[in-house]
Each structure stands twice: as structure tokens, then as C-alpha cells.
N, C-alpha and C. Protein backbone atom coordinates (compact mmCIF):
# COMPACT_ATOMS: atom_id res chain seq x y z
N MET A 1 -46.76 27.59 66.27
CA MET A 1 -47.79 28.65 67.03
C MET A 1 -48.95 27.93 66.67
N SER A 2 -49.64 27.69 68.23
CA SER A 2 -50.72 27.09 67.92
C SER A 2 -51.66 28.15 69.17
N PHE A 3 -52.38 29.06 68.19
CA PHE A 3 -53.20 29.82 69.28
C PHE A 3 -54.70 30.34 68.33
N GLU A 4 -55.71 30.47 68.58
CA GLU A 4 -56.52 30.87 67.84
C GLU A 4 -57.36 31.92 68.88
N GLU A 5 -58.19 32.90 67.99
CA GLU A 5 -59.05 33.93 68.46
C GLU A 5 -60.41 33.27 68.64
N ILE A 6 -60.80 33.20 70.07
CA ILE A 6 -62.19 32.51 70.55
C ILE A 6 -63.38 33.90 70.65
N SER A 7 -64.41 33.63 69.91
CA SER A 7 -65.65 34.62 69.80
C SER A 7 -65.63 35.11 71.44
N HIS A 8 -66.02 36.16 71.52
CA HIS A 8 -66.02 36.98 72.88
C HIS A 8 -66.78 38.31 72.71
N THR A 9 -67.89 38.66 73.59
CA THR A 9 -68.38 39.59 73.33
C THR A 9 -67.81 41.11 73.65
N ALA A 10 -66.62 41.38 74.47
CA ALA A 10 -66.33 42.73 74.47
C ALA A 10 -64.68 42.72 74.34
N ASP A 11 -64.06 41.60 74.89
CA ASP A 11 -62.71 41.42 74.93
C ASP A 11 -62.01 40.60 73.74
N VAL A 12 -60.95 40.18 73.86
CA VAL A 12 -60.32 39.32 72.45
C VAL A 12 -59.80 38.27 73.73
N LYS A 13 -60.61 37.01 73.07
CA LYS A 13 -60.35 35.86 73.63
C LYS A 13 -59.32 35.06 73.11
N ILE A 14 -58.41 34.53 73.55
CA ILE A 14 -57.55 33.44 73.02
C ILE A 14 -57.31 31.99 73.54
N ARG A 15 -57.11 31.07 72.95
CA ARG A 15 -57.10 29.69 73.30
C ARG A 15 -55.82 29.42 72.54
N ALA A 16 -54.85 28.85 73.51
CA ALA A 16 -53.56 28.34 72.87
C ALA A 16 -53.11 26.93 73.32
N ARG A 17 -52.63 26.32 72.54
CA ARG A 17 -52.30 24.70 72.92
C ARG A 17 -50.61 24.66 72.80
N ALA A 18 -49.95 23.88 73.56
CA ALA A 18 -48.60 23.36 73.53
C ALA A 18 -48.53 22.20 74.15
N SER A 19 -47.12 21.64 74.10
CA SER A 19 -46.40 20.43 74.61
C SER A 19 -45.98 21.06 75.93
N THR A 20 -45.68 22.20 76.19
CA THR A 20 -44.74 22.69 77.27
C THR A 20 -45.34 23.99 77.76
N LEU A 21 -44.88 24.18 79.03
CA LEU A 21 -45.31 25.52 79.45
C LEU A 21 -44.78 26.66 78.86
N ASP A 22 -43.51 26.55 78.65
CA ASP A 22 -42.39 27.25 77.88
C ASP A 22 -43.08 27.63 76.63
N ALA A 23 -43.61 26.74 75.98
CA ALA A 23 -44.10 27.00 74.59
C ALA A 23 -45.52 27.70 74.52
N LEU A 24 -46.43 27.29 75.80
CA LEU A 24 -47.62 27.77 75.83
C LEU A 24 -47.54 29.29 76.10
N PHE A 25 -46.44 29.87 77.07
CA PHE A 25 -46.08 31.04 77.32
C PHE A 25 -45.78 31.83 75.89
N THR A 26 -44.98 31.20 75.18
CA THR A 26 -44.66 31.98 73.91
C THR A 26 -45.34 31.87 72.80
N ASP A 27 -46.69 31.20 72.94
CA ASP A 27 -47.89 31.24 71.93
C ASP A 27 -48.91 32.36 72.62
N ALA A 28 -48.82 32.32 73.86
CA ALA A 28 -49.71 33.59 74.33
C ALA A 28 -49.14 34.94 74.26
N PHE A 29 -47.68 34.88 74.21
CA PHE A 29 -46.98 36.24 73.99
C PHE A 29 -47.09 36.71 72.27
N LEU A 30 -47.22 35.46 71.63
CA LEU A 30 -47.15 35.63 70.19
C LEU A 30 -48.72 36.00 69.53
N ALA A 31 -49.80 35.42 70.62
CA ALA A 31 -51.14 35.94 70.08
C ALA A 31 -51.24 37.71 70.70
N LEU A 32 -50.79 37.87 71.83
CA LEU A 32 -50.86 39.38 72.28
C LEU A 32 -50.50 40.07 71.35
N MET A 33 -49.35 39.99 70.83
CA MET A 33 -48.21 41.01 69.77
C MET A 33 -49.23 40.79 68.46
N GLN A 34 -49.82 39.90 68.19
CA GLN A 34 -50.40 39.76 66.73
C GLN A 34 -51.81 40.53 67.02
N VAL A 35 -52.23 40.67 68.05
CA VAL A 35 -53.52 41.13 68.21
C VAL A 35 -53.18 42.82 68.24
N VAL A 36 -52.14 43.17 68.91
CA VAL A 36 -51.87 44.60 69.22
C VAL A 36 -51.22 45.19 67.94
N TYR A 37 -50.40 44.30 67.24
CA TYR A 37 -49.41 45.28 66.30
C TYR A 37 -49.57 44.48 64.82
N GLY A 38 -50.51 43.29 64.63
CA GLY A 38 -50.60 42.56 63.54
C GLY A 38 -49.57 41.74 63.22
N THR A 39 -49.40 41.17 62.03
CA THR A 39 -48.26 40.12 61.57
C THR A 39 -46.90 40.54 60.79
N ASP A 40 -46.87 41.85 60.71
CA ASP A 40 -45.48 42.33 60.10
C ASP A 40 -44.59 43.01 61.43
N ARG A 41 -43.93 42.00 61.80
CA ARG A 41 -42.96 42.33 62.83
C ARG A 41 -41.96 41.79 62.59
N ASN A 42 -40.56 42.84 62.65
CA ASN A 42 -39.07 42.03 62.64
C ASN A 42 -38.14 42.28 63.94
N ASP A 43 -37.12 41.37 63.81
CA ASP A 43 -36.40 41.62 64.76
C ASP A 43 -35.29 42.75 64.62
N GLY A 44 -34.18 42.73 65.64
CA GLY A 44 -33.01 43.85 65.48
C GLY A 44 -32.83 44.15 66.85
N ILE A 45 -33.97 44.25 67.92
CA ILE A 45 -33.60 45.00 69.10
C ILE A 45 -34.17 43.67 70.17
N ILE A 46 -33.02 43.52 71.29
CA ILE A 46 -33.38 42.36 71.93
C ILE A 46 -33.41 43.06 73.35
N LYS A 47 -34.29 42.66 73.93
CA LYS A 47 -34.99 42.88 75.56
C LYS A 47 -34.94 41.67 76.47
N GLU A 48 -34.27 41.71 77.69
CA GLU A 48 -34.39 40.66 78.56
C GLU A 48 -35.30 41.02 79.70
N ILE A 49 -36.05 40.41 79.89
CA ILE A 49 -36.98 40.27 81.43
C ILE A 49 -36.70 38.88 81.81
N ARG A 50 -37.12 39.12 83.57
CA ARG A 50 -37.22 38.09 84.26
C ARG A 50 -38.46 38.50 85.04
N ILE A 51 -39.52 37.48 85.36
CA ILE A 51 -40.51 37.82 86.59
C ILE A 51 -40.52 36.51 87.26
N GLU A 52 -40.85 36.76 88.44
CA GLU A 52 -41.19 35.77 89.55
C GLU A 52 -42.81 35.72 90.13
N SER A 53 -43.28 34.70 90.23
CA SER A 53 -44.45 34.83 90.74
C SER A 53 -44.89 33.67 91.95
N ASP A 54 -46.07 34.10 92.60
CA ASP A 54 -46.58 32.83 93.28
C ASP A 54 -47.52 31.68 92.69
N ASN A 55 -47.80 31.84 91.48
CA ASN A 55 -48.34 30.41 90.86
C ASN A 55 -48.31 30.96 89.12
N ILE A 56 -48.76 29.68 88.38
CA ILE A 56 -48.61 29.88 87.08
C ILE A 56 -49.39 30.99 86.45
N GLU A 57 -50.62 31.16 86.74
CA GLU A 57 -51.41 32.24 86.31
C GLU A 57 -50.90 33.72 86.38
N SER A 58 -50.69 33.84 87.66
CA SER A 58 -50.15 35.10 87.89
C SER A 58 -48.71 35.30 86.91
N LEU A 59 -47.97 34.22 86.81
CA LEU A 59 -46.63 34.11 86.33
C LEU A 59 -46.77 34.93 84.77
N LEU A 60 -48.03 34.06 84.11
CA LEU A 60 -48.40 34.25 82.74
C LEU A 60 -49.05 36.06 82.67
N CYS A 61 -49.72 36.52 83.44
CA CYS A 61 -50.37 37.58 83.67
C CYS A 61 -49.27 38.73 83.81
N ASP A 62 -48.67 38.37 84.97
CA ASP A 62 -47.14 39.62 85.13
C ASP A 62 -46.46 39.56 83.86
N PHE A 63 -46.24 38.30 83.06
CA PHE A 63 -45.11 38.56 81.74
C PHE A 63 -45.99 39.30 80.64
N LEU A 64 -47.25 38.97 80.57
CA LEU A 64 -47.71 39.66 79.54
C LEU A 64 -48.09 41.07 79.74
N SER A 65 -48.38 41.26 80.97
CA SER A 65 -48.25 42.63 81.28
C SER A 65 -47.10 43.40 81.30
N GLU A 66 -46.18 43.06 81.71
CA GLU A 66 -44.72 43.57 81.56
C GLU A 66 -44.21 43.86 80.05
N VAL A 67 -44.73 42.84 79.25
CA VAL A 67 -44.40 42.85 77.54
C VAL A 67 -45.40 44.28 77.30
N LEU A 68 -46.59 44.46 77.83
CA LEU A 68 -47.26 45.13 77.08
C LEU A 68 -46.78 46.50 77.76
N PHE A 69 -46.38 46.60 79.29
CA PHE A 69 -45.70 48.00 79.54
C PHE A 69 -44.41 48.29 78.99
N ILE A 70 -43.40 47.23 78.39
CA ILE A 70 -42.17 47.86 77.42
C ILE A 70 -42.57 48.39 76.36
N ALA A 71 -43.59 47.31 75.56
CA ALA A 71 -43.84 47.87 74.13
C ALA A 71 -44.21 49.18 74.07
N GLU A 72 -45.50 49.61 75.10
CA GLU A 72 -45.83 50.97 75.30
C GLU A 72 -44.67 52.15 75.66
N VAL A 73 -44.18 51.74 76.67
CA VAL A 73 -43.22 52.74 77.32
C VAL A 73 -42.01 52.80 76.28
N GLU A 74 -41.21 52.08 75.69
CA GLU A 74 -40.11 51.97 75.15
C GLU A 74 -40.43 51.95 73.59
N GLY A 75 -41.48 51.98 73.23
CA GLY A 75 -42.20 52.27 71.82
C GLY A 75 -41.68 50.82 70.83
N LEU A 76 -41.53 49.71 71.54
CA LEU A 76 -41.13 48.65 70.73
C LEU A 76 -42.25 47.43 70.46
N VAL A 77 -42.00 46.73 69.38
CA VAL A 77 -42.83 45.73 68.55
C VAL A 77 -41.85 44.43 68.68
N PHE A 78 -42.31 43.59 69.64
CA PHE A 78 -41.44 42.17 69.42
C PHE A 78 -42.14 41.15 68.39
N SER A 79 -41.33 40.50 67.93
CA SER A 79 -41.66 39.31 66.79
C SER A 79 -41.58 37.85 67.40
N ARG A 80 -40.78 37.98 68.31
CA ARG A 80 -40.54 36.44 68.83
C ARG A 80 -39.78 36.52 70.24
N ALA A 81 -40.17 35.53 71.03
CA ALA A 81 -39.34 35.42 72.21
C ALA A 81 -39.29 33.77 72.75
N GLU A 82 -37.90 33.87 73.59
CA GLU A 82 -37.30 32.59 73.76
C GLU A 82 -37.35 32.70 75.60
N ILE A 83 -38.37 31.96 75.52
CA ILE A 83 -39.18 31.97 77.43
C ILE A 83 -38.54 30.52 77.84
N ILE A 84 -37.83 30.70 79.05
CA ILE A 84 -37.67 29.30 79.90
C ILE A 84 -38.25 29.80 81.39
N ILE A 85 -39.09 28.89 81.78
CA ILE A 85 -39.64 28.96 83.00
C ILE A 85 -39.14 27.68 83.66
N ASP A 86 -38.78 27.76 85.18
CA ASP A 86 -38.48 27.21 85.93
C ASP A 86 -38.82 27.49 87.30
N HIS A 87 -39.67 26.32 87.79
CA HIS A 87 -40.82 26.96 88.81
C HIS A 87 -41.67 27.98 88.76
N MET A 88 -41.73 28.78 89.58
CA MET A 88 -42.33 30.10 89.35
C MET A 88 -41.49 31.25 88.83
N HIS A 89 -40.31 31.08 88.34
CA HIS A 89 -39.34 32.03 87.61
C HIS A 89 -39.52 31.95 86.21
N LEU A 90 -39.61 33.16 85.49
CA LEU A 90 -39.71 33.29 84.23
C LEU A 90 -38.70 34.06 83.61
N ALA A 91 -37.43 33.69 82.64
CA ALA A 91 -36.41 34.31 81.87
C ALA A 91 -36.91 34.35 80.57
N ALA A 92 -36.85 35.53 79.85
CA ALA A 92 -37.31 35.83 78.68
C ALA A 92 -36.28 36.54 77.75
N VAL A 93 -36.16 36.28 76.63
CA VAL A 93 -35.13 37.03 75.77
C VAL A 93 -36.28 37.24 74.51
N LEU A 94 -36.67 38.85 74.72
CA LEU A 94 -37.55 39.25 73.47
C LEU A 94 -36.68 40.15 72.26
N TYR A 95 -37.19 39.75 71.09
CA TYR A 95 -36.78 40.24 69.99
C TYR A 95 -37.98 40.83 69.24
N GLY A 96 -37.45 42.37 68.87
CA GLY A 96 -38.59 42.97 68.30
C GLY A 96 -37.87 44.13 67.69
N GLU A 97 -38.47 45.42 67.23
CA GLU A 97 -38.02 46.56 66.62
C GLU A 97 -38.72 47.52 67.41
N SER A 98 -38.38 48.79 66.50
CA SER A 98 -39.42 50.19 67.03
C SER A 98 -40.36 50.03 66.51
N PHE A 99 -41.56 50.76 67.00
CA PHE A 99 -42.83 50.77 66.52
C PHE A 99 -42.79 51.62 65.37
N ASP A 100 -43.22 51.23 64.22
CA ASP A 100 -43.55 51.89 62.97
C ASP A 100 -45.07 52.21 62.89
N PRO A 101 -45.63 53.29 63.05
CA PRO A 101 -47.00 53.57 62.69
C PRO A 101 -47.49 53.35 61.40
N LEU A 102 -46.53 52.80 60.23
CA LEU A 102 -47.18 52.82 59.26
C LEU A 102 -47.50 51.45 58.98
N ARG A 103 -46.79 50.36 59.90
CA ARG A 103 -46.68 49.05 59.78
C ARG A 103 -47.34 48.23 60.68
N HIS A 104 -47.35 49.02 62.20
CA HIS A 104 -47.85 48.24 63.29
C HIS A 104 -49.24 48.88 63.91
N SER A 105 -50.01 49.30 63.15
CA SER A 105 -51.08 50.12 63.71
C SER A 105 -52.51 49.11 62.85
N SER A 106 -52.69 48.02 62.80
CA SER A 106 -53.56 47.44 61.97
C SER A 106 -54.20 46.88 63.27
N GLY A 107 -53.63 46.47 64.30
CA GLY A 107 -54.31 45.78 65.09
C GLY A 107 -55.13 46.35 66.53
N THR A 108 -55.54 45.89 67.20
CA THR A 108 -56.53 46.20 68.18
C THR A 108 -55.61 46.84 69.65
N GLU A 109 -55.82 47.85 70.19
CA GLU A 109 -55.07 48.12 71.57
C GLU A 109 -55.86 47.36 72.54
N VAL A 110 -54.74 46.65 73.51
CA VAL A 110 -54.95 45.68 74.47
C VAL A 110 -54.37 46.86 75.80
N LYS A 111 -55.82 46.99 76.58
CA LYS A 111 -55.68 47.88 77.95
C LYS A 111 -54.64 46.99 78.85
N GLY A 112 -54.99 45.57 79.05
CA GLY A 112 -54.39 44.94 80.04
C GLY A 112 -54.83 43.23 80.09
N ILE A 113 -54.04 42.36 80.58
CA ILE A 113 -54.72 41.00 80.73
C ILE A 113 -55.26 40.82 81.90
N SER A 114 -56.56 39.90 81.32
CA SER A 114 -57.51 40.00 82.54
C SER A 114 -57.17 38.45 83.13
N TYR A 115 -57.48 38.26 84.43
CA TYR A 115 -57.34 37.10 85.12
C TYR A 115 -58.80 36.56 85.05
N SER A 116 -59.91 37.54 84.76
CA SER A 116 -61.10 36.84 84.45
C SER A 116 -61.43 35.73 83.40
N GLY A 117 -61.58 34.47 83.67
CA GLY A 117 -61.56 33.63 82.40
C GLY A 117 -60.25 32.70 82.19
N LEU A 118 -59.25 32.94 83.17
CA LEU A 118 -57.80 32.71 82.65
C LEU A 118 -58.08 30.98 83.19
N VAL A 119 -57.59 30.40 82.06
CA VAL A 119 -57.57 28.91 82.80
C VAL A 119 -56.14 28.55 81.96
N ILE A 120 -55.54 27.45 82.77
CA ILE A 120 -54.18 27.09 81.99
C ILE A 120 -54.62 25.53 82.46
N ARG A 121 -54.85 24.73 81.88
CA ARG A 121 -54.91 23.36 82.10
C ARG A 121 -53.98 22.33 81.59
N LYS A 122 -53.51 20.97 82.04
CA LYS A 122 -52.70 20.16 81.78
C LYS A 122 -53.34 18.88 81.58
N ASP A 123 -52.92 18.31 80.31
CA ASP A 123 -53.44 16.74 80.08
C ASP A 123 -52.57 16.11 79.35
N THR A 124 -52.87 15.10 79.01
CA THR A 124 -51.81 13.86 78.56
C THR A 124 -51.15 14.86 77.12
N ASN A 125 -51.61 15.32 76.58
CA ASN A 125 -51.32 16.27 75.08
C ASN A 125 -50.39 17.51 75.47
N GLY A 126 -50.36 17.88 76.63
CA GLY A 126 -49.95 19.04 77.00
C GLY A 126 -50.66 20.08 77.87
N TYR A 127 -50.45 20.87 77.52
CA TYR A 127 -51.45 22.56 78.15
C TYR A 127 -52.13 23.10 77.13
N MET A 128 -53.20 23.75 77.64
CA MET A 128 -54.06 24.41 77.06
C MET A 128 -54.38 25.67 78.19
N LEU A 129 -54.58 26.87 77.36
CA LEU A 129 -54.86 27.82 77.84
C LEU A 129 -56.17 28.44 77.20
N ASP A 130 -56.74 29.17 78.37
CA ASP A 130 -58.05 30.67 77.66
C ASP A 130 -57.23 31.71 78.32
N ILE A 131 -57.28 32.91 77.68
CA ILE A 131 -57.12 34.01 78.36
C ILE A 131 -57.50 35.05 77.54
N LEU A 132 -58.01 36.26 78.55
CA LEU A 132 -58.59 37.56 78.00
C LEU A 132 -57.64 38.46 77.74
N PHE A 133 -57.45 39.43 77.04
CA PHE A 133 -57.13 40.63 76.45
C PHE A 133 -58.22 41.46 76.71
N ASP A 134 -57.93 42.45 77.62
CA ASP A 134 -59.00 43.48 77.65
C ASP A 134 -58.78 44.69 76.72
N VAL A 135 -59.83 44.81 76.08
CA VAL A 135 -59.52 46.02 74.90
C VAL A 135 -60.60 47.29 74.95
């Protein structure tokens, strides 16, 4: 897991680094779950999702937005994910548990994933991501 929170005036800004796109998306997912629910998250429930998009930035935003939607509507908190990206198709298996207000209320409510400031770069060391979570 290689992500950090970067100072931002109004929202939560995350920077992640990974050697592959799959790992980068996984780190963005883990950062989102940690921001919203804290670190006390377990497995037990499995949820599969598939996303298709026109470009890699949209694929990431669509994926994280879908995770937020499922978490809110189904009352789930995810602890980990297995993500496979093939071109502009994403398949993910999410592992989590039911929301427990005593354990999962220490985070910050995220209203959405922002395209503003979204950067995904590739260099010789792998990938780097800057992303804003609207709070």
C-alpha cells in the first residue's frame, strides 16, 4: 500500500504510487476506504463489479464512484480488492463487511470523486496518481 494524504484546502487529496495500474487502482481504493471508514475493516462479504470506460482517468473515477455507491446503498465497508485492468475494462472482487457505526464512523464523508486535479502518470518506476475526494 503506497499512498499518502496531501494537504488540500477543502477536499482530501491523495497521492499514490505503484508499479502497475492494477496496484495503483487498488491503492486508490484502499485510500478511499481508509478516508471514509478508518482502518478497522474486515472481510466476510464478497462483491464483484465490472466497469468499462473510454480512458484510464474515467475508469478510475467510475470505479471509485461505484464503490462509494455500493458502500452507501448496501451498507458495506470494504477492506481489500482484487483488481484486474485489461485495456479500458476493469474487473474487481471487493471484500468487506456490513457497516458497523461503532467501528466505521471515524472517517470523513466523501461525497464524490473529482476529475479536478486528477493526474495519472507513468514513468520508469511505474505509475503515480493524484486524486481529490470531494468532502
